[in-house]
Amino acid sequence: MTYIDLNSDVGESFGNWTMGDDAAIFASVSSANVACGFHAGDPSVIAQTCRDAVGANVTIGAHVGYRDLAGFGRRFLDCSPTELADDVLYQLGALEALARAAGSTIKYVKPHGALYNTIVHHEVHAQAVIDAIRAFGSDLPVLLLPGSVALAKAKSAGLRPVAEAFADRNYNPDGTLVSRREANAVLHDPEIVTANMIRLATEKTVVAIDGTVIPMEAESICVHGDTAGAVAMAAAVRAGLINAGITIKSFV
């Protein structure tokens, strides 16, 4: 692998409540997963995030989630597939309007939180998300967990599936993410995280929480913008990858 995308979840502030330092993390990443107002973000936050991304030459993607502001989109919602598809399409439309005003457009989609993890295995919700994306624009790539049901459905629907790895999260031996309810779900040491991501990019493997070596091919690496020390971690991962001969650039 000679290049890889580095992405971050951004635009997740709301009103007077601030989450992350988006402007700073844009110095390291190549793609921005911008919250669309359902799990986080408000119109002014989203608009400013889009302007900052355009100014930093960072690709804008839609970070769509369950309609769950109170739970930050980290709770499963047992909604109907029609309701979920409508919610996803609504979020895409809102972000597209604000991205266009900033001089850009949506280039890809990445589900957030509980929605992301649910459609690893939930056939109905996975199909609803893919149906919404196709209704919006069939040329949008979809950023998803390797081996997920949604990744297969995206491919079957003619969308470009993009496999993603997580720099700051621990993995279970089956390749799923360790639940945030569990201890050691989130990694905080930039040196360990950087070494893991160099291994991913050069050897196509990651080490699970129990020491199991998991084969994993990914076109993009995520550093969560709400993780403590995210800006320093993103900078460390970027520097480490570049020093290993890997170019950082958007997958689109």
C-alpha atoms as a PDB file:
ATOM      1  CA  MET A   1       0.000   0.000   0.000  1.00  0.00           C
ATOM      2  CA  THR A   2       1.450   3.362  -1.015  1.00  0.00           C
ATOM      3  CA  TYR A   3      -1.361   5.605   0.215  1.00  0.00           C
ATOM      4  CA  ILE A   4      -4.236   5.607   2.690  1.00  0.00           C
ATOM      5  CA  ASP A   5      -6.996   7.976   3.746  1.00  0.00           C
ATOM      6  CA  LEU A   6      -7.048   9.422   7.263  1.00  0.00           C
ATOM      7  CA  ASN A   7     -10.508  10.483   8.419  1.00  0.00           C
ATOM      8  CA  SER A   8     -12.057  11.993  11.529  1.00  0.00           C
ATOM      9  CA  ASP A   9     -15.583  12.463  12.886  1.00  0.00           C
ATOM     10  CA  VAL A  10     -16.149  16.229  13.091  1.00  0.00           C
ATOM     11  CA  GLY A  11     -18.865  18.880  13.374  1.00  0.00           C
ATOM     12  CA  GLU A  12     -20.123  17.252  16.557  1.00  0.00           C
ATOM     13  CA  SER A  13     -20.477  20.394  18.663  1.00  0.00           C
ATOM     14  CA  PHE A  14     -23.997  21.659  19.399  1.00  0.00           C
ATOM     15  CA  GLY A  15     -24.996  25.156  20.476  1.00  0.00           C
ATOM     16  CA  ASN A  16     -22.800  26.207  23.400  1.00  0.00           C
ATOM     17  CA  TRP A  17     -21.510  22.644  23.845  1.00  0.00           C
ATOM     18  CA  THR A  18     -18.151  21.972  22.189  1.00  0.00           C
ATOM     19  CA  MET A  19     -16.841  18.583  21.062  1.00  0.00           C
ATOM     20  CA  GLY A  20     -13.339  18.197  19.660  1.00  0.00           C
ATOM     21  CA  ASP A  21     -11.073  20.666  17.862  1.00  0.00           C
ATOM     22  CA  ASP A  22     -12.059  20.255  14.225  1.00  0.00           C
ATOM     23  CA  ALA A  23      -9.987  23.097  12.790  1.00  0.00           C
ATOM     24  CA  ALA A  24      -6.837  21.666  14.388  1.00  0.00           C
ATOM     25  CA  ILE A  25      -7.431  18.074  13.340  1.00  0.00           C
ATOM     26  CA  PHE A  26      -7.905  19.187   9.712  1.00  0.00           C
ATOM     27  CA  ALA A  27      -4.138  19.745   9.591  1.00  0.00           C
ATOM     28  CA  SER A  28      -3.657  15.956   9.748  1.00  0.00           C
ATOM     29  CA  VAL A  29      -6.618  14.251   8.077  1.00  0.00           C
ATOM     30  CA  SER A  30      -7.657  13.982   4.446  1.00  0.00           C
ATOM     31  CA  SER A  31     -11.377  13.307   4.971  1.00  0.00           C
ATOM     32  CA  ALA A  32     -13.982  14.789   7.328  1.00  0.00           C
ATOM     33  CA  ASN A  33     -17.022  12.819   8.476  1.00  0.00           C
ATOM     34  CA  VAL A  34     -19.334  15.760   9.198  1.00  0.00           C
ATOM     35  CA  ALA A  35     -22.215  15.199  11.643  1.00  0.00           C
ATOM     36  CA  CYS A  36     -25.552  15.967  10.000  1.00  0.00           C
ATOM     37  CA  GLY A  37     -27.603  17.155  12.994  1.00  0.00           C
ATOM     38  CA  PHE A  38     -29.224  13.920  14.168  1.00  0.00           C
ATOM     39  CA  HIS A  39     -26.591  12.595  16.584  1.00  0.00           C
ATOM     40  CA  ALA A  40     -24.720  15.915  16.911  1.00  0.00           C
ATOM     41  CA  GLY A  41     -24.186  19.213  15.148  1.00  0.00           C
ATOM     42  CA  ASP A  42     -26.478  22.150  14.420  1.00  0.00           C
ATOM     43  CA  PRO A  43     -26.768  24.184  11.197  1.00  0.00           C
ATOM     44  CA  SER A  44     -24.210  26.809  12.216  1.00  0.00           C
ATOM     45  CA  VAL A  45     -21.724  24.202  13.463  1.00  0.00           C
ATOM     46  CA  ILE A  46     -22.147  22.139  10.310  1.00  0.00           C
ATOM     47  CA  ALA A  47     -21.743  25.183   8.069  1.00  0.00           C
ATOM     48  CA  GLN A  48     -18.563  26.312   9.836  1.00  0.00           C
ATOM     49  CA  THR A  49     -17.164  22.785   9.758  1.00  0.00           C
ATOM     50  CA  CYS A  50     -17.734  22.638   6.002  1.00  0.00           C
ATOM     51  CA  ARG A  51     -16.037  26.011   5.513  1.00  0.00           C
ATOM     52  CA  ASP A  52     -13.065  24.887   7.610  1.00  0.00           C
ATOM     53  CA  ALA A  53     -12.813  21.618   5.679  1.00  0.00           C
ATOM     54  CA  VAL A  54     -12.853  23.430   2.342  1.00  0.00           C
ATOM     55  CA  GLY A  55     -10.202  25.857   3.587  1.00  0.00           C
ATOM     56  CA  ALA A  56      -7.988  22.956   4.640  1.00  0.00           C
ATOM     57  CA  ASN A  57      -8.586  21.025   1.377  1.00  0.00           C
ATOM     58  CA  VAL A  58     -10.205  18.173   3.306  1.00  0.00           C
ATOM     59  CA  THR A  59     -12.844  15.978   1.631  1.00  0.00           C
ATOM     60  CA  ILE A  60     -16.360  16.243   3.099  1.00  0.00           C
ATOM     61  CA  GLY A  61     -18.354  13.112   3.904  1.00  0.00           C
ATOM     62  CA  ALA A  62     -21.765  12.727   5.554  1.00  0.00           C
ATOM     63  CA  HIS A  63     -21.700  11.233   9.058  1.00  0.00           C
ATOM     64  CA  VAL A  64     -25.298  10.033   9.275  1.00  0.00           C
ATOM     65  CA  GLY A  65     -26.730   8.484  12.431  1.00  0.00           C
ATOM     66  CA  TYR A  66     -29.831   7.482  14.330  1.00  0.00           C
ATOM     67  CA  ARG A  67     -32.024  10.420  15.422  1.00  0.00           C
ATOM     68  CA  ASP A  68     -30.569  10.468  18.934  1.00  0.00           C
ATOM     69  CA  LEU A  69     -29.114  13.799  20.082  1.00  0.00           C
ATOM     70  CA  ALA A  70     -29.481  12.912  23.767  1.00  0.00           C
ATOM     71  CA  GLY A  71     -27.526   9.684  23.353  1.00  0.00           C
ATOM     72  CA  PHE A  72     -25.000  11.054  20.833  1.00  0.00           C
ATOM     73  CA  GLY A  73     -26.191   8.437  18.388  1.00  0.00           C
ATOM     74  CA  ARG A  74     -24.746   5.605  20.431  1.00  0.00           C
ATOM     75  CA  ARG A  75     -28.072   3.882  21.142  1.00  0.00           C
ATOM     76  CA  PHE A  76     -29.851   1.454  18.821  1.00  0.00           C
ATOM     77  CA  LEU A  77     -33.244   2.720  17.652  1.00  0.00           C
ATOM     78  CA  ASP A  78     -35.750   0.093  16.588  1.00  0.00           C
ATOM     79  CA  CYS A  79     -37.217   2.222  13.808  1.00  0.00           C
ATOM     80  CA  SER A  80     -38.838   0.930  10.635  1.00  0.00           C
ATOM     81  CA  PRO A  81     -36.687   0.663   7.508  1.00  0.00           C
ATOM     82  CA  THR A  82     -38.778   3.391   5.837  1.00  0.00           C
ATOM     83  CA  GLU A  83     -38.250   5.775   8.759  1.00  0.00           C
ATOM     84  CA  LEU A  84     -34.532   5.054   8.872  1.00  0.00           C
ATOM     85  CA  ALA A  85     -34.109   5.532   5.120  1.00  0.00           C
ATOM     86  CA  ASP A  86     -36.016   8.824   5.319  1.00  0.00           C
ATOM     87  CA  ASP A  87     -33.852   9.975   8.237  1.00  0.00           C
ATOM     88  CA  VAL A  88     -30.629   9.167   6.384  1.00  0.00           C
ATOM     89  CA  LEU A  89     -31.827  10.878   3.205  1.00  0.00           C
ATOM     90  CA  TYR A  90     -32.871  13.952   5.229  1.00  0.00           C
ATOM     91  CA  GLN A  91     -29.393  14.191   6.768  1.00  0.00           C
ATOM     92  CA  LEU A  92     -27.717  13.889   3.375  1.00  0.00           C
ATOM     93  CA  GLY A  93     -29.843  16.689   1.983  1.00  0.00           C
ATOM     94  CA  ALA A  94     -29.105  18.994   4.903  1.00  0.00           C
ATOM     95  CA  LEU A  95     -25.351  18.492   4.720  1.00  0.00           C
ATOM     96  CA  GLU A  96     -25.293  18.816   0.930  1.00  0.00           C
ATOM     97  CA  ALA A  97     -26.935  22.239   1.145  1.00  0.00           C
ATOM     98  CA  LEU A  98     -24.416  23.504   3.708  1.00  0.00           C
ATOM     99  CA  ALA A  99     -21.459  21.910   1.902  1.00  0.00           C
ATOM    100  CA  ARG A 100     -22.477  23.585  -1.359  1.00  0.00           C
ATOM    101  CA  ALA A 101     -22.706  26.951   0.382  1.00  0.00           C
ATOM    102  CA  ALA A 102     -19.122  26.391   1.531  1.00  0.00           C
ATOM    103  CA  GLY A 103     -17.993  25.600  -2.010  1.00  0.00           C
ATOM    104  CA  SER A 104     -17.989  21.792  -1.913  1.00  0.00           C
ATOM    105  CA  THR A 105     -20.290  18.759  -1.993  1.00  0.00           C
ATOM    106  CA  ILE A 106     -20.706  15.471  -0.158  1.00  0.00           C
ATOM    107  CA  LYS A 107     -18.137  12.997  -1.517  1.00  0.00           C
ATOM    108  CA  TYR A 108     -18.964   9.903   0.563  1.00  0.00           C
ATOM    109  CA  VAL A 109     -21.098   8.608   3.450  1.00  0.00           C
ATOM    110  CA  LYS A 110     -20.074   7.102   6.785  1.00  0.00           C
ATOM    111  CA  PRO A 111     -22.699   5.940   9.304  1.00  0.00           C
ATOM    112  CA  HIS A 112     -22.114   6.957  12.924  1.00  0.00           C
ATOM    113  CA  GLY A 113     -22.006   5.134  16.255  1.00  0.00           C
ATOM    114  CA  ALA A 114     -24.806   2.691  16.911  1.00  0.00           C
ATOM    115  CA  LEU A 115     -25.966   2.831  13.304  1.00  0.00           C
ATOM    116  CA  TYR A 116     -22.465   1.976  12.064  1.00  0.00           C
ATOM    117  CA  ASN A 117     -22.189  -0.996  14.422  1.00  0.00           C
ATOM    118  CA  THR A 118     -25.776  -2.159  13.924  1.00  0.00           C
ATOM    119  CA  ILE A 119     -25.456  -2.482  10.155  1.00  0.00           C
ATOM    120  CA  VAL A 120     -22.465  -4.735  10.574  1.00  0.00           C
ATOM    121  CA  HIS A 121     -25.057  -7.487  11.108  1.00  0.00           C
ATOM    122  CA  HIS A 122     -28.590  -6.000  10.903  1.00  0.00           C
ATOM    123  CA  GLU A 123     -29.889  -6.852   7.425  1.00  0.00           C
ATOM    124  CA  VAL A 124     -32.945  -4.577   7.477  1.00  0.00           C
ATOM    125  CA  HIS A 125     -31.263  -1.434   8.754  1.00  0.00           C
ATOM    126  CA  ALA A 126     -28.273  -2.030   6.496  1.00  0.00           C
ATOM    127  CA  GLN A 127     -30.550  -2.179   3.465  1.00  0.00           C
ATOM    128  CA  ALA A 128     -32.399   0.975   4.574  1.00  0.00           C
ATOM    129  CA  VAL A 129     -29.137   2.924   4.788  1.00  0.00           C
ATOM    130  CA  ILE A 130     -27.996   1.716   1.372  1.00  0.00           C
ATOM    131  CA  ASP A 131     -31.405   2.487  -0.154  1.00  0.00           C
ATOM    132  CA  ALA A 132     -31.240   6.054   1.169  1.00  0.00           C
ATOM    133  CA  ILE A 133     -27.751   6.609  -0.205  1.00  0.00           C
ATOM    134  CA  ARG A 134     -28.762   5.279  -3.617  1.00  0.00           C
ATOM    135  CA  ALA A 135     -31.809   7.558  -3.608  1.00  0.00           C
ATOM    136  CA  PHE A 136     -29.544  10.536  -2.952  1.00  0.00           C
ATOM    137  CA  GLY A 137     -26.781   9.677  -5.385  1.00  0.00           C
ATOM    138  CA  SER A 138     -25.548   6.308  -6.600  1.00  0.00           C
ATOM    139  CA  ASP A 139     -21.989   7.552  -7.062  1.00  0.00           C
ATOM    140  CA  LEU A 140     -21.308   8.062  -3.340  1.00  0.00           C
ATOM    141  CA  PRO A 141     -18.806   5.663  -1.729  1.00  0.00           C
ATOM    142  CA  VAL A 142     -19.782   4.234   1.670  1.00  0.00           C
ATOM    143  CA  LEU A 143     -17.274   3.934   4.517  1.00  0.00           C
ATOM    144  CA  LEU A 144     -17.963   0.782   6.572  1.00  0.00           C
ATOM    145  CA  LEU A 145     -16.424  -1.925   8.752  1.00  0.00           C
ATOM    146  CA  PRO A 146     -14.682  -4.742   6.816  1.00  0.00           C
ATOM    147  CA  GLY A 147     -16.839  -7.853   6.628  1.00  0.00           C
ATOM    148  CA  SER A 148     -20.060  -6.028   7.483  1.00  0.00           C
ATOM    149  CA  VAL A 149     -23.463  -6.825   5.991  1.00  0.00           C
ATOM    150  CA  ALA A 150     -23.759  -3.197   4.875  1.00  0.00           C
ATOM    151  CA  LEU A 151     -20.461  -3.379   2.987  1.00  0.00           C
ATOM    152  CA  ALA A 152     -21.758  -6.340   0.985  1.00  0.00           C
ATOM    153  CA  LYS A 153     -25.085  -4.615   0.366  1.00  0.00           C
ATOM    154  CA  ALA A 154     -23.337  -1.461  -0.839  1.00  0.00           C
ATOM    155  CA  LYS A 155     -21.391  -3.503  -3.369  1.00  0.00           C
ATOM    156  CA  SER A 156     -24.510  -5.326  -4.531  1.00  0.00           C
ATOM    157  CA  ALA A 157     -26.287  -1.980  -4.978  1.00  0.00           C
ATOM    158  CA  GLY A 158     -23.536  -0.660  -7.209  1.00  0.00           C
ATOM    159  CA  LEU A 159     -22.093   1.699  -4.601  1.00  0.00           C
ATOM    160  CA  ARG A 160     -18.379   1.779  -3.907  1.00  0.00           C
ATOM    161  CA  PRO A 161     -17.711   0.014  -0.576  1.00  0.00           C
ATOM    162  CA  VAL A 162     -14.730   1.453   1.330  1.00  0.00           C
ATOM    163  CA  ALA A 163     -13.364  -0.621   4.209  1.00  0.00           C
ATOM    164  CA  GLU A 164     -12.277   1.337   7.273  1.00  0.00           C
ATOM    165  CA  ALA A 165      -9.978   0.696  10.231  1.00  0.00           C
ATOM    166  CA  PHE A 166     -10.002   2.519  13.576  1.00  0.00           C
ATOM    167  CA  ALA A 167      -6.799   3.904  15.031  1.00  0.00           C
ATOM    168  CA  ASP A 168      -8.133   4.626  18.504  1.00  0.00           C
ATOM    169  CA  ARG A 169     -10.334   1.578  19.081  1.00  0.00           C
ATOM    170  CA  ASN A 170      -9.647  -1.973  20.195  1.00  0.00           C
ATOM    171  CA  TYR A 171     -10.932  -4.893  18.144  1.00  0.00           C
ATOM    172  CA  ASN A 172     -12.588  -8.145  19.131  1.00  0.00           C
ATOM    173  CA  PRO A 173     -11.069 -11.324  17.629  1.00  0.00           C
ATOM    174  CA  ASP A 174     -13.901 -11.438  15.053  1.00  0.00           C
ATOM    175  CA  GLY A 175     -12.929  -8.018  13.699  1.00  0.00           C
ATOM    176  CA  THR A 176     -15.768  -6.071  15.320  1.00  0.00           C
ATOM    177  CA  LEU A 177     -15.077  -3.129  17.619  1.00  0.00           C
ATOM    178  CA  VAL A 178     -14.920  -3.629  21.377  1.00  0.00           C
ATOM    179  CA  SER A 179     -18.049  -2.013  22.831  1.00  0.00           C
ATOM    180  CA  ARG A 180     -17.538   1.383  24.447  1.00  0.00           C
ATOM    181  CA  ARG A 181     -19.246  -0.102  27.497  1.00  0.00           C
ATOM    182  CA  GLU A 182     -16.227  -2.363  27.984  1.00  0.00           C
ATOM    183  CA  ALA A 183     -12.868  -1.514  29.545  1.00  0.00           C
ATOM    184  CA  ASN A 184     -10.046  -0.691  27.104  1.00  0.00           C
ATOM    185  CA  ALA A 185     -12.423  -0.070  24.209  1.00  0.00           C
ATOM    186  CA  VAL A 186     -10.607   3.160  23.375  1.00  0.00           C
ATOM    187  CA  LEU A 187      -6.840   3.507  22.865  1.00  0.00           C
ATOM    188  CA  HIS A 188      -5.086   6.684  24.033  1.00  0.00           C
ATOM    189  CA  ASP A 189      -1.329   6.127  23.599  1.00  0.00           C
ATOM    190  CA  PRO A 190      -0.230   7.803  20.316  1.00  0.00           C
ATOM    191  CA  GLU A 191       2.852   5.568  20.019  1.00  0.00           C
ATOM    192  CA  ILE A 192       0.828   2.353  20.283  1.00  0.00           C
ATOM    193  CA  VAL A 193      -1.867   3.672  17.961  1.00  0.00           C
ATOM    194  CA  THR A 194       0.694   4.788  15.374  1.00  0.00           C
ATOM    195  CA  ALA A 195       2.508   1.451  15.445  1.00  0.00           C
ATOM    196  CA  ASN A 196      -0.817  -0.354  14.979  1.00  0.00           C
ATOM    197  CA  MET A 197      -1.744   1.758  11.967  1.00  0.00           C
ATOM    198  CA  ILE A 198       1.668   1.353  10.330  1.00  0.00           C
ATOM    199  CA  ARG A 199       1.154  -2.386  10.727  1.00  0.00           C
ATOM    200  CA  LEU A 200      -2.293  -2.102   9.143  1.00  0.00           C
ATOM    201  CA  ALA A 201      -0.978  -0.130   6.171  1.00  0.00           C
ATOM    202  CA  THR A 202       2.126  -2.233   5.571  1.00  0.00           C
ATOM    203  CA  GLU A 203       1.106  -5.742   6.683  1.00  0.00           C
ATOM    204  CA  LYS A 204      -2.705  -5.573   6.387  1.00  0.00           C
ATOM    205  CA  THR A 205      -3.254  -6.892   9.904  1.00  0.00           C
ATOM    206  CA  VAL A 206      -4.375  -5.552  13.288  1.00  0.00           C
ATOM    207  CA  VAL A 207      -3.991  -7.035  16.752  1.00  0.00           C
ATOM    208  CA  ALA A 208      -7.211  -7.767  18.665  1.00  0.00           C
ATOM    209  CA  ILE A 209      -7.665  -7.024  22.359  1.00  0.00           C
ATOM    210  CA  ASP A 210      -6.746 -10.637  23.216  1.00  0.00           C
ATOM    211  CA  GLY A 211      -3.586 -10.629  21.068  1.00  0.00           C
ATOM    212  CA  THR A 212      -5.150 -12.349  18.064  1.00  0.00           C
ATOM    213  CA  VAL A 213      -3.726 -11.136  14.740  1.00  0.00           C
ATOM    214  CA  ILE A 214      -6.584 -10.269  12.390  1.00  0.00           C
ATOM    215  CA  PRO A 215      -6.173  -9.880   8.615  1.00  0.00           C
ATOM    216  CA  MET A 216      -7.630  -6.519   7.623  1.00  0.00           C
ATOM    217  CA  GLU A 217      -7.533  -4.512   4.417  1.00  0.00           C
ATOM    218  CA  ALA A 218      -8.682  -0.918   4.730  1.00  0.00           C
ATOM    219  CA  GLU A 219      -8.595   2.123   2.480  1.00  0.00           C
ATOM    220  CA  SER A 220      -9.194   4.558   5.326  1.00  0.00           C
ATOM    221  CA  ILE A 221      -8.214   5.013   8.983  1.00  0.00           C
ATOM    222  CA  CYS A 222     -10.414   6.840  11.489  1.00  0.00           C
ATOM    223  CA  VAL A 223      -9.232   8.919  14.440  1.00  0.00           C
ATOM    224  CA  HIS A 224     -12.325   9.963  16.391  1.00  0.00           C
ATOM    225  CA  GLY A 225     -12.480  13.710  16.907  1.00  0.00           C
ATOM    226  CA  ASP A 226     -14.050  13.259  20.363  1.00  0.00           C
ATOM    227  CA  THR A 227     -11.277  11.005  21.705  1.00  0.00           C
ATOM    228  CA  ALA A 228      -9.102  12.691  24.327  1.00  0.00           C
ATOM    229  CA  GLY A 229      -5.894  13.887  22.659  1.00  0.00           C
ATOM    230  CA  ALA A 230      -7.345  13.342  19.186  1.00  0.00           C
ATOM    231  CA  VAL A 231      -5.409  16.188  17.549  1.00  0.00           C
ATOM    232  CA  ALA A 232      -2.039  14.923  18.788  1.00  0.00           C
ATOM    233  CA  MET A 233      -2.990  11.338  17.929  1.00  0.00           C
ATOM    234  CA  ALA A 234      -3.978  12.226  14.369  1.00  0.00           C
ATOM    235  CA  ALA A 235      -0.725  14.138  13.903  1.00  0.00           C
ATOM    236  CA  ALA A 236       1.286  11.184  15.253  1.00  0.00           C
ATOM    237  CA  VAL A 237      -0.490   8.677  13.003  1.00  0.00           C
ATOM    238  CA  ARG A 238      -0.010  10.921   9.969  1.00  0.00           C
ATOM    239  CA  ALA A 239       3.700  11.407  10.690  1.00  0.00           C
ATOM    240  CA  GLY A 240       4.236   7.716  11.356  1.00  0.00           C
ATOM    241  CA  LEU A 241       2.559   6.644   8.145  1.00  0.00           C
ATOM    242  CA  ILE A 242       4.454   9.185   6.077  1.00  0.00           C
ATOM    243  CA  ASN A 243       7.743   8.078   7.648  1.00  0.00           C
ATOM    244  CA  ALA A 244       6.815   4.505   6.686  1.00  0.00           C
ATOM    245  CA  GLY A 245       6.460   5.576   3.050  1.00  0.00           C
ATOM    246  CA  ILE A 246       2.661   5.851   3.059  1.00  0.00           C
ATOM    247  CA  THR A 247       1.047   8.889   1.432  1.00  0.00           C
ATOM    248  CA  ILE A 248      -2.026  10.378   3.140  1.00  0.00           C
ATOM    249  CA  LYS A 249      -4.788  11.190   0.652  1.00  0.00           C
ATOM    250  CA  SER A 250      -8.545  10.902   0.343  1.00  0.00           C
ATOM    251  CA  PHE A 251      -9.944   7.694  -1.157  1.00  0.00           C
ATOM    252  CA  VAL A 252     -12.060   9.861  -3.454  1.00  0.00           C
END
